[in-house]
Every structure is written in C-alpha cells, then in structure tokens.
C-alpha cells in the first residue's frame, strides 16, 4: 500500500512535464523571421536589432533542446519580434538609399 501510493505520486509528478506542448510553430516562425532578416543584410543595416534577434533565437533553441518549452516559446516570440523589426529597418534603409 505504501509503495503503490509513492508510485502514484511519482507518476503524477512525472506527468506534469508532459503537459507542456512543444512550441513548434513559434520556433519555426522565429527561424523564418531570423533568416529573412539575415537575407536583407540586417546584420549590417540594423545591427542592434539583429543582434538581439540572434541572441533570443539561440536562447530559444537552447531552451527547446533542454525541454524548457515555456522559456523556448517566450524566447522564440522575442526573436521573431526583433527579427521582423531588423528586417523592416534594413529594407527601409535600402529603399531610402535608392532615392
């Protein structure tokens, strides 16, 4: 009886880690946004924003590998935000240079 209760408690606590879903969509969107920013040379035209996007993207990948899915999702969202800003600034600077 004592062992079955302990086993039940261990199973319940072990299942808590499985309740979190993997942030596949967020990771994919962060990767796509980061690559799009890189494609328009945001690393040279918007280096501050691009550096932040890269930092959060690498943190998201690291957290995902370690199975910290909540943190990975937060970092992926931040990476996507900074990647999109860097891409916008880069495209805007390129357009203004042509004028």
Protein backbone atom coordinates (compact mmCIF):
# COMPACT_ATOMS: atom_id res chain seq x y z
CA UNK A 1 0.00 0.00 0.00
CA UNK A 2 2.78 2.40 0.93
CA UNK A 3 4.73 1.67 -2.26
CA UNK A 4 1.71 1.98 -4.53
CA UNK A 5 0.94 5.42 -3.05
CA UNK A 6 4.53 6.55 -3.61
CA UNK A 7 4.42 5.19 -7.16
CA UNK A 8 1.17 7.05 -7.82
CA UNK A 9 2.66 10.33 -6.55
CA UNK A 10 5.77 9.85 -8.73
CA UNK A 11 3.63 9.19 -11.80
CA UNK A 12 1.54 12.31 -11.20
CA UNK A 13 4.62 14.49 -10.77
CA UNK A 14 6.29 12.95 -13.80
CA UNK A 15 3.26 13.64 -15.98
CA UNK A 16 3.41 17.37 -15.24
CA UNK A 17 6.35 17.75 -17.60
CA UNK A 18 4.36 16.16 -20.38
CA UNK A 19 1.52 18.67 -20.05
CA UNK A 20 3.52 21.39 -21.80
CA UNK A 21 3.29 21.31 -25.57
CA UNK A 22 6.30 21.83 -27.78
CA UNK A 23 6.36 25.33 -29.33
CA UNK A 24 6.98 24.07 -32.87
CA UNK A 25 5.07 26.86 -34.59
CA UNK A 26 6.79 29.60 -32.60
CA UNK A 27 10.23 28.09 -33.25
CA UNK A 28 9.53 27.79 -36.98
CA UNK A 29 8.24 31.35 -37.21
CA UNK A 30 11.27 32.66 -35.27
CA UNK A 31 13.63 30.78 -37.58
CA UNK A 32 11.87 32.07 -40.70
CA UNK A 33 11.88 35.66 -39.46
CA UNK A 34 15.55 35.42 -38.47
CA UNK A 35 16.55 34.03 -41.88
CA UNK A 36 14.51 36.72 -43.64
CA UNK A 37 16.30 39.43 -41.66
CA UNK A 38 19.63 37.85 -42.50
CA UNK A 39 18.71 37.72 -46.19
CA UNK A 40 18.18 41.50 -46.38
CA UNK A 41 21.54 42.12 -44.66
CA UNK A 42 20.04 43.28 -41.37
CA UNK A 43 23.29 42.35 -39.60
CA UNK A 44 24.95 45.37 -41.22
CA UNK A 45 22.00 47.75 -41.68
CA UNK A 46 20.28 47.14 -38.30
CA UNK A 47 22.99 45.51 -36.17
CA UNK A 48 21.48 46.20 -32.74
CA UNK A 49 18.10 44.71 -33.55
CA UNK A 50 19.67 41.82 -35.44
CA UNK A 51 21.97 41.02 -32.51
CA UNK A 52 19.00 40.92 -30.13
CA UNK A 53 17.08 38.68 -32.53
CA UNK A 54 20.03 36.33 -32.81
CA UNK A 55 20.52 36.25 -29.04
CA UNK A 56 16.89 35.32 -28.37
CA UNK A 57 16.86 32.82 -31.24
CA UNK A 58 19.86 30.99 -29.82
CA UNK A 59 18.33 31.08 -26.32
CA UNK A 60 15.09 29.63 -27.74
CA UNK A 61 16.96 26.81 -29.46
CA UNK A 62 18.92 26.04 -26.31
CA UNK A 63 15.81 26.03 -24.13
CA UNK A 64 13.98 23.83 -26.62
CA UNK A 65 16.82 21.29 -26.61
CA UNK A 66 16.75 21.23 -22.81
CA UNK A 67 12.97 20.75 -22.91
CA UNK A 68 12.19 24.09 -21.25
CA UNK A 69 9.33 24.64 -23.65
CA UNK A 70 7.74 27.61 -21.89
CA UNK A 71 11.02 29.54 -21.95
CA UNK A 72 11.68 28.44 -25.53
CA UNK A 73 8.30 29.82 -26.59
CA UNK A 74 8.96 33.17 -24.89
CA UNK A 75 12.41 33.48 -26.45
CA UNK A 76 11.10 32.48 -29.89
CA UNK A 77 8.43 35.17 -29.74
CA UNK A 78 11.03 37.78 -28.76
CA UNK A 79 13.37 36.61 -31.52
CA UNK A 80 10.59 36.89 -34.10
CA UNK A 81 9.73 40.40 -32.91
CA UNK A 82 13.31 41.67 -33.13
CA UNK A 83 13.94 39.86 -36.43
CA UNK A 84 10.92 41.49 -38.01
CA UNK A 85 11.98 44.93 -36.75
CA UNK A 86 15.53 44.40 -38.03
CA UNK A 87 14.19 43.29 -41.41
CA UNK A 88 11.92 46.33 -41.63
CA UNK A 89 14.69 48.78 -40.72
CA UNK A 90 17.04 47.13 -43.19
CA UNK A 91 14.55 47.24 -46.06
CA UNK A 92 13.66 50.85 -45.23
CA UNK A 93 17.32 51.90 -45.26
CA UNK A 94 17.88 50.15 -48.59
CA UNK A 95 14.82 51.88 -50.07
CA UNK A 96 15.91 55.30 -48.80
CA UNK A 97 19.40 54.81 -50.22
CA UNK A 98 17.91 54.32 -53.70
CA UNK A 99 16.07 57.63 -53.60
